[in-house]
């Protein structure tokens, strides 16, 4: 799994080419011929269409895990007008506070299994530039000409799961909060493997 912590640390938008470069580097370290499945969580879902053609190898499927969905055709804004207005109100010197400070402490703590995990998550969070959320992500034609699916944890992403159904994608659910992969990684991993097990096979 590529680390995306530093892709917006320096420079100006667009930042998505840095994400694509991180994926390319990660994919290049995999064995030749290994099928590539993109699994994106949360806002990273918006980047999937840009990453598919840049991966350097054929991508056999894309799975969105409690994630935002890209537009059916691009470009896709990195944030809604309402969210962008809020982010502009909390930015200082062009940088945003860490993601876990955007909500009440109790709400954030409820998403994580214990204080130690909370501390680890907070320690690795970057302060993204406001310009990250002012950019738009490309949606190249044909990026979804492969199996796509959605794994839902719960509201408010149930709206995204329903949209996925209208796109003809498979939808599954592991009930939990938005960071459920940290609460029950085994269950989440097992469901991801079940969903994607046959992607790239002759039947697909």
C-alpha atoms as a PDB file:
ATOM      1  CA  UNK A   1       0.000   0.000   0.000  1.00  0.00           C
ATOM      2  CA  UNK A   2       1.606   3.295  -1.022  1.00  0.00           C
ATOM      3  CA  UNK A   3       1.946   6.059   1.547  1.00  0.00           C
ATOM      4  CA  UNK A   4       0.301   9.290   0.448  1.00  0.00           C
ATOM      5  CA  UNK A   5       1.283  11.314   3.522  1.00  0.00           C
ATOM      6  CA  UNK A   6       3.769  13.529   1.711  1.00  0.00           C
ATOM      7  CA  UNK A   7       2.138  14.018  -1.701  1.00  0.00           C
ATOM      8  CA  UNK A   8       0.837  17.490  -0.794  1.00  0.00           C
ATOM      9  CA  UNK A   9       3.695  18.530   1.496  1.00  0.00           C
ATOM     10  CA  UNK A  10       5.244  20.923  -1.021  1.00  0.00           C
ATOM     11  CA  UNK A  11       4.371  22.555  -4.295  1.00  0.00           C
ATOM     12  CA  UNK A  12       1.132  23.714  -5.802  1.00  0.00           C
ATOM     13  CA  UNK A  13      -1.878  21.899  -7.232  1.00  0.00           C
ATOM     14  CA  UNK A  14      -2.618  19.700  -8.984  1.00  0.00           C
ATOM     15  CA  UNK A  15      -1.510  17.158  -6.382  1.00  0.00           C
ATOM     16  CA  UNK A  16      -3.030  14.073  -7.996  1.00  0.00           C
ATOM     17  CA  UNK A  17       0.063  13.400 -10.175  1.00  0.00           C
ATOM     18  CA  UNK A  18       1.993  12.845  -6.939  1.00  0.00           C
ATOM     19  CA  UNK A  19      -0.584  10.276  -5.870  1.00  0.00           C
ATOM     20  CA  UNK A  20      -0.253   8.522  -9.220  1.00  0.00           C
ATOM     21  CA  UNK A  21       3.537   8.531  -8.884  1.00  0.00           C
ATOM     22  CA  UNK A  22       3.320   6.952  -5.421  1.00  0.00           C
ATOM     23  CA  UNK A  23       1.073   4.213  -6.805  1.00  0.00           C
ATOM     24  CA  UNK A  24       3.422   3.579  -9.727  1.00  0.00           C
ATOM     25  CA  UNK A  25       6.350   3.199  -7.333  1.00  0.00           C
ATOM     26  CA  UNK A  26       4.391   0.779  -5.144  1.00  0.00           C
ATOM     27  CA  UNK A  27       3.144  -1.282  -8.093  1.00  0.00           C
ATOM     28  CA  UNK A  28       6.654  -1.529  -9.550  1.00  0.00           C
ATOM     29  CA  UNK A  29       7.738  -3.475  -6.474  1.00  0.00           C
ATOM     30  CA  UNK A  30       5.123  -6.200  -6.993  1.00  0.00           C
ATOM     31  CA  UNK A  31       5.859  -9.445  -8.847  1.00  0.00           C
ATOM     32  CA  UNK A  32       5.368  -9.347 -12.605  1.00  0.00           C
ATOM     33  CA  UNK A  33       1.948 -10.588 -13.603  1.00  0.00           C
ATOM     34  CA  UNK A  34       0.341  -9.999 -10.203  1.00  0.00           C
ATOM     35  CA  UNK A  35      -3.200  -8.644 -10.685  1.00  0.00           C
ATOM     36  CA  UNK A  36      -3.646  -5.060  -9.499  1.00  0.00           C
ATOM     37  CA  UNK A  37      -6.769  -4.075  -7.558  1.00  0.00           C
ATOM     38  CA  UNK A  38      -7.160  -0.482  -6.407  1.00  0.00           C
ATOM     39  CA  UNK A  39      -8.781  -0.161  -2.970  1.00  0.00           C
ATOM     40  CA  UNK A  40      -9.595   3.410  -1.930  1.00  0.00           C
ATOM     41  CA  UNK A  41     -10.977   4.674   1.366  1.00  0.00           C
ATOM     42  CA  UNK A  42     -12.802   7.931   2.072  1.00  0.00           C
ATOM     43  CA  UNK A  43     -11.797  10.933  -0.062  1.00  0.00           C
ATOM     44  CA  UNK A  44      -9.204   8.812  -1.887  1.00  0.00           C
ATOM     45  CA  UNK A  45     -12.080   7.411  -3.913  1.00  0.00           C
ATOM     46  CA  UNK A  46     -12.062  10.603  -5.969  1.00  0.00           C
ATOM     47  CA  UNK A  47      -8.521   9.826  -7.139  1.00  0.00           C
ATOM     48  CA  UNK A  48      -9.208   6.354  -8.519  1.00  0.00           C
ATOM     49  CA  UNK A  49      -9.998   7.422 -12.121  1.00  0.00           C
ATOM     50  CA  UNK A  50      -6.711   9.338 -12.343  1.00  0.00           C
ATOM     51  CA  UNK A  51      -4.695   6.465 -10.877  1.00  0.00           C
ATOM     52  CA  UNK A  52      -6.090   3.684 -13.103  1.00  0.00           C
ATOM     53  CA  UNK A  53      -4.369   4.800 -16.334  1.00  0.00           C
ATOM     54  CA  UNK A  54      -1.214   5.815 -14.449  1.00  0.00           C
ATOM     55  CA  UNK A  55      -0.695   2.552 -12.563  1.00  0.00           C
ATOM     56  CA  UNK A  56       1.763   1.213 -15.116  1.00  0.00           C
ATOM     57  CA  UNK A  57       0.032  -2.188 -15.260  1.00  0.00           C
ATOM     58  CA  UNK A  58      -3.508  -3.318 -16.031  1.00  0.00           C
ATOM     59  CA  UNK A  59      -5.885  -2.703 -13.124  1.00  0.00           C
ATOM     60  CA  UNK A  60      -8.357  -5.591 -12.851  1.00  0.00           C
ATOM     61  CA  UNK A  61     -10.784  -3.867 -10.495  1.00  0.00           C
ATOM     62  CA  UNK A  62     -11.512  -0.889  -8.242  1.00  0.00           C
ATOM     63  CA  UNK A  63     -13.054  -1.129  -4.782  1.00  0.00           C
ATOM     64  CA  UNK A  64     -14.362   1.905  -2.899  1.00  0.00           C
ATOM     65  CA  UNK A  65     -14.379   1.415   0.877  1.00  0.00           C
ATOM     66  CA  UNK A  66     -16.665   3.883   2.693  1.00  0.00           C
ATOM     67  CA  UNK A  67     -15.439   6.270   0.035  1.00  0.00           C
ATOM     68  CA  UNK A  68     -16.519   9.281  -1.950  1.00  0.00           C
ATOM     69  CA  UNK A  69     -17.312   8.537  -5.585  1.00  0.00           C
ATOM     70  CA  UNK A  70     -15.872  10.342  -8.585  1.00  0.00           C
ATOM     71  CA  UNK A  71     -18.203  11.967 -11.061  1.00  0.00           C
ATOM     72  CA  UNK A  72     -19.548   9.755 -13.812  1.00  0.00           C
ATOM     73  CA  UNK A  73     -17.584  12.038 -16.114  1.00  0.00           C
ATOM     74  CA  UNK A  74     -15.029  14.543 -14.941  1.00  0.00           C
ATOM     75  CA  UNK A  75     -13.711  16.617 -13.567  1.00  0.00           C
ATOM     76  CA  UNK A  76     -14.513  15.848  -9.918  1.00  0.00           C
ATOM     77  CA  UNK A  77     -14.148  18.594  -7.285  1.00  0.00           C
ATOM     78  CA  UNK A  78     -12.048  17.575  -4.293  1.00  0.00           C
ATOM     79  CA  UNK A  79     -14.678  19.061  -1.964  1.00  0.00           C
ATOM     80  CA  UNK A  80     -18.280  20.181  -2.129  1.00  0.00           C
ATOM     81  CA  UNK A  81     -18.928  23.951  -2.028  1.00  0.00           C
ATOM     82  CA  UNK A  82     -20.220  23.593   1.543  1.00  0.00           C
ATOM     83  CA  UNK A  83     -17.181  21.653   2.736  1.00  0.00           C
ATOM     84  CA  UNK A  84     -14.828  24.034   0.951  1.00  0.00           C
ATOM     85  CA  UNK A  85     -16.428  27.022   2.654  1.00  0.00           C
ATOM     86  CA  UNK A  86     -15.861  25.367   6.039  1.00  0.00           C
ATOM     87  CA  UNK A  87     -12.259  24.493   5.238  1.00  0.00           C
ATOM     88  CA  UNK A  88     -11.507  28.048   4.187  1.00  0.00           C
ATOM     89  CA  UNK A  89     -12.816  29.213   7.554  1.00  0.00           C
ATOM     90  CA  UNK A  90     -10.397  27.008   9.527  1.00  0.00           C
ATOM     91  CA  UNK A  91      -7.269  27.301   7.357  1.00  0.00           C
ATOM     92  CA  UNK A  92      -4.262  29.207   8.698  1.00  0.00           C
ATOM     93  CA  UNK A  93      -1.474  30.372   6.414  1.00  0.00           C
ATOM     94  CA  UNK A  94      -2.924  28.237   3.657  1.00  0.00           C
ATOM     95  CA  UNK A  95      -2.836  25.006   5.687  1.00  0.00           C
ATOM     96  CA  UNK A  96      -5.648  23.047   7.296  1.00  0.00           C
ATOM     97  CA  UNK A  97      -5.648  21.595  10.795  1.00  0.00           C
ATOM     98  CA  UNK A  98      -5.295  17.834  11.079  1.00  0.00           C
ATOM     99  CA  UNK A  99      -8.328  15.934   9.844  1.00  0.00           C
ATOM    100  CA  UNK A 100      -9.253  14.554  13.273  1.00  0.00           C
ATOM    101  CA  UNK A 101      -9.717  18.095  14.638  1.00  0.00           C
ATOM    102  CA  UNK A 102     -12.478  18.930  12.161  1.00  0.00           C
ATOM    103  CA  UNK A 103     -15.077  17.221  14.387  1.00  0.00           C
ATOM    104  CA  UNK A 104     -15.866  16.987  18.084  1.00  0.00           C
ATOM    105  CA  UNK A 105     -13.396  14.917  20.107  1.00  0.00           C
ATOM    106  CA  UNK A 106     -16.019  12.375  21.193  1.00  0.00           C
ATOM    107  CA  UNK A 107     -17.115  11.791  17.602  1.00  0.00           C
ATOM    108  CA  UNK A 108     -13.541  11.141  16.470  1.00  0.00           C
ATOM    109  CA  UNK A 109     -12.710   8.941  19.468  1.00  0.00           C
ATOM    110  CA  UNK A 110     -15.745   6.758  18.718  1.00  0.00           C
ATOM    111  CA  UNK A 111     -14.238   5.859  15.329  1.00  0.00           C
ATOM    112  CA  UNK A 112     -11.056   4.412  16.825  1.00  0.00           C
ATOM    113  CA  UNK A 113     -10.557   1.302  18.963  1.00  0.00           C
ATOM    114  CA  UNK A 114      -8.370   2.783  21.714  1.00  0.00           C
ATOM    115  CA  UNK A 115      -6.310   5.852  22.737  1.00  0.00           C
ATOM    116  CA  UNK A 116      -3.064   4.294  21.447  1.00  0.00           C
ATOM    117  CA  UNK A 117      -4.490   3.946  17.942  1.00  0.00           C
ATOM    118  CA  UNK A 118      -5.857   7.490  18.159  1.00  0.00           C
ATOM    119  CA  UNK A 119      -2.379   8.740  19.040  1.00  0.00           C
ATOM    120  CA  UNK A 120      -0.785   6.859  16.150  1.00  0.00           C
ATOM    121  CA  UNK A 121      -3.345   8.138  13.651  1.00  0.00           C
ATOM    122  CA  UNK A 122      -2.933  11.714  14.851  1.00  0.00           C
ATOM    123  CA  UNK A 123       0.860  11.514  14.707  1.00  0.00           C
ATOM    124  CA  UNK A 124       0.957  10.653  11.011  1.00  0.00           C
ATOM    125  CA  UNK A 125      -1.686  13.114   9.817  1.00  0.00           C
ATOM    126  CA  UNK A 126      -0.385  15.881   7.575  1.00  0.00           C
ATOM    127  CA  UNK A 127      -1.722  19.415   7.573  1.00  0.00           C
ATOM    128  CA  UNK A 128      -2.954  19.509   4.013  1.00  0.00           C
ATOM    129  CA  UNK A 129      -2.864  22.747   2.050  1.00  0.00           C
ATOM    130  CA  UNK A 130      -6.241  24.333   1.480  1.00  0.00           C
ATOM    131  CA  UNK A 131      -5.403  24.241  -2.233  1.00  0.00           C
ATOM    132  CA  UNK A 132      -5.647  20.439  -2.100  1.00  0.00           C
ATOM    133  CA  UNK A 133      -9.401  20.795  -1.657  1.00  0.00           C
ATOM    134  CA  UNK A 134      -9.637  23.558  -4.251  1.00  0.00           C
ATOM    135  CA  UNK A 135      -8.375  21.296  -7.036  1.00  0.00           C
ATOM    136  CA  UNK A 136     -10.335  19.051  -9.366  1.00  0.00           C
ATOM    137  CA  UNK A 137      -9.479  15.473 -10.263  1.00  0.00           C
ATOM    138  CA  UNK A 138      -9.621  14.192 -13.845  1.00  0.00           C
ATOM    139  CA  UNK A 139     -12.009  11.398 -14.783  1.00  0.00           C
ATOM    140  CA  UNK A 140     -10.637   9.812 -17.975  1.00  0.00           C
ATOM    141  CA  UNK A 141     -13.094   7.915 -20.123  1.00  0.00           C
ATOM    142  CA  UNK A 142     -12.916   4.157 -19.665  1.00  0.00           C
ATOM    143  CA  UNK A 143     -11.416   4.116 -16.172  1.00  0.00           C
ATOM    144  CA  UNK A 144     -14.344   1.971 -14.961  1.00  0.00           C
ATOM    145  CA  UNK A 145     -14.222  -0.513 -17.846  1.00  0.00           C
ATOM    146  CA  UNK A 146     -13.421  -3.195 -15.267  1.00  0.00           C
ATOM    147  CA  UNK A 147     -15.194  -4.619 -12.204  1.00  0.00           C
ATOM    148  CA  UNK A 148     -15.934  -1.973  -9.591  1.00  0.00           C
ATOM    149  CA  UNK A 149     -17.513  -2.386  -6.175  1.00  0.00           C
ATOM    150  CA  UNK A 150     -18.370  -0.620  -2.947  1.00  0.00           C
ATOM    151  CA  UNK A 151     -17.816  -1.724   0.646  1.00  0.00           C
ATOM    152  CA  UNK A 152     -19.967   0.257   3.051  1.00  0.00           C
ATOM    153  CA  UNK A 153     -19.330   0.754   6.754  1.00  0.00           C
ATOM    154  CA  UNK A 154     -22.289   3.034   7.448  1.00  0.00           C
ATOM    155  CA  UNK A 155     -23.878   6.512   7.155  1.00  0.00           C
ATOM    156  CA  UNK A 156     -23.384   8.963   5.593  1.00  0.00           C
ATOM    157  CA  UNK A 157     -21.694   6.800   2.954  1.00  0.00           C
ATOM    158  CA  UNK A 158     -24.851   4.768   2.438  1.00  0.00           C
ATOM    159  CA  UNK A 159     -25.712   7.394  -0.171  1.00  0.00           C
ATOM    160  CA  UNK A 160     -22.529   6.504  -2.037  1.00  0.00           C
ATOM    161  CA  UNK A 161     -23.384   2.806  -1.781  1.00  0.00           C
ATOM    162  CA  UNK A 162     -26.762   3.475  -3.360  1.00  0.00           C
ATOM    163  CA  UNK A 163     -25.143   5.481  -6.145  1.00  0.00           C
ATOM    164  CA  UNK A 164     -22.787   2.546  -6.719  1.00  0.00           C
ATOM    165  CA  UNK A 165     -25.799   0.285  -7.203  1.00  0.00           C
ATOM    166  CA  UNK A 166     -27.175   2.629  -9.853  1.00  0.00           C
ATOM    167  CA  UNK A 167     -23.838   2.315 -11.649  1.00  0.00           C
ATOM    168  CA  UNK A 168     -24.259  -1.445 -11.677  1.00  0.00           C
ATOM    169  CA  UNK A 169     -21.480  -2.126  -9.173  1.00  0.00           C
ATOM    170  CA  UNK A 170     -21.522  -4.821  -6.500  1.00  0.00           C
ATOM    171  CA  UNK A 171     -22.154  -3.492  -2.980  1.00  0.00           C
ATOM    172  CA  UNK A 172     -21.372  -5.156   0.352  1.00  0.00           C
ATOM    173  CA  UNK A 173     -21.402  -3.981   3.960  1.00  0.00           C
ATOM    174  CA  UNK A 174     -19.373  -4.453   7.116  1.00  0.00           C
ATOM    175  CA  UNK A 175     -21.286  -2.377   9.705  1.00  0.00           C
ATOM    176  CA  UNK A 176     -19.106   0.056  11.603  1.00  0.00           C
ATOM    177  CA  UNK A 177     -17.749   3.587  11.758  1.00  0.00           C
ATOM    178  CA  UNK A 178     -15.792   5.365   9.061  1.00  0.00           C
ATOM    179  CA  UNK A 179     -12.448   4.019  10.317  1.00  0.00           C
ATOM    180  CA  UNK A 180     -13.677   0.462  10.826  1.00  0.00           C
ATOM    181  CA  UNK A 181     -10.561  -0.916   9.124  1.00  0.00           C
ATOM    182  CA  UNK A 182      -8.717   0.120  12.303  1.00  0.00           C
ATOM    183  CA  UNK A 183     -11.352  -1.327  14.623  1.00  0.00           C
ATOM    184  CA  UNK A 184     -11.744  -4.739  12.972  1.00  0.00           C
ATOM    185  CA  UNK A 185      -9.049  -5.095  10.295  1.00  0.00           C
ATOM    186  CA  UNK A 186      -9.570  -8.843   9.975  1.00  0.00           C
ATOM    187  CA  UNK A 187     -13.256  -8.549   9.095  1.00  0.00           C
ATOM    188  CA  UNK A 188     -12.640  -5.707   6.655  1.00  0.00           C
ATOM    189  CA  UNK A 189      -9.750  -7.516   4.980  1.00  0.00           C
ATOM    190  CA  UNK A 190     -11.774 -10.726   4.677  1.00  0.00           C
ATOM    191  CA  UNK A 191     -14.656  -8.909   3.008  1.00  0.00           C
ATOM    192  CA  UNK A 192     -12.324  -7.091   0.604  1.00  0.00           C
ATOM    193  CA  UNK A 193     -10.755 -10.403  -0.401  1.00  0.00           C
ATOM    194  CA  UNK A 194     -14.180 -11.963  -0.889  1.00  0.00           C
ATOM    195  CA  UNK A 195     -15.389  -9.127  -3.102  1.00  0.00           C
ATOM    196  CA  UNK A 196     -12.289  -9.006  -5.257  1.00  0.00           C
ATOM    197  CA  UNK A 197     -11.403 -12.724  -5.360  1.00  0.00           C
ATOM    198  CA  UNK A 198     -12.619 -13.333  -8.926  1.00  0.00           C
ATOM    199  CA  UNK A 199     -11.733  -9.976 -10.436  1.00  0.00           C
ATOM    200  CA  UNK A 200      -9.443 -10.434 -13.353  1.00  0.00           C
ATOM    201  CA  UNK A 201     -10.517 -14.040 -13.934  1.00  0.00           C
ATOM    202  CA  UNK A 202     -11.782 -15.093 -17.388  1.00  0.00           C
ATOM    203  CA  UNK A 203     -15.364 -14.949 -16.070  1.00  0.00           C
ATOM    204  CA  UNK A 204     -15.116 -11.208 -15.454  1.00  0.00           C
END
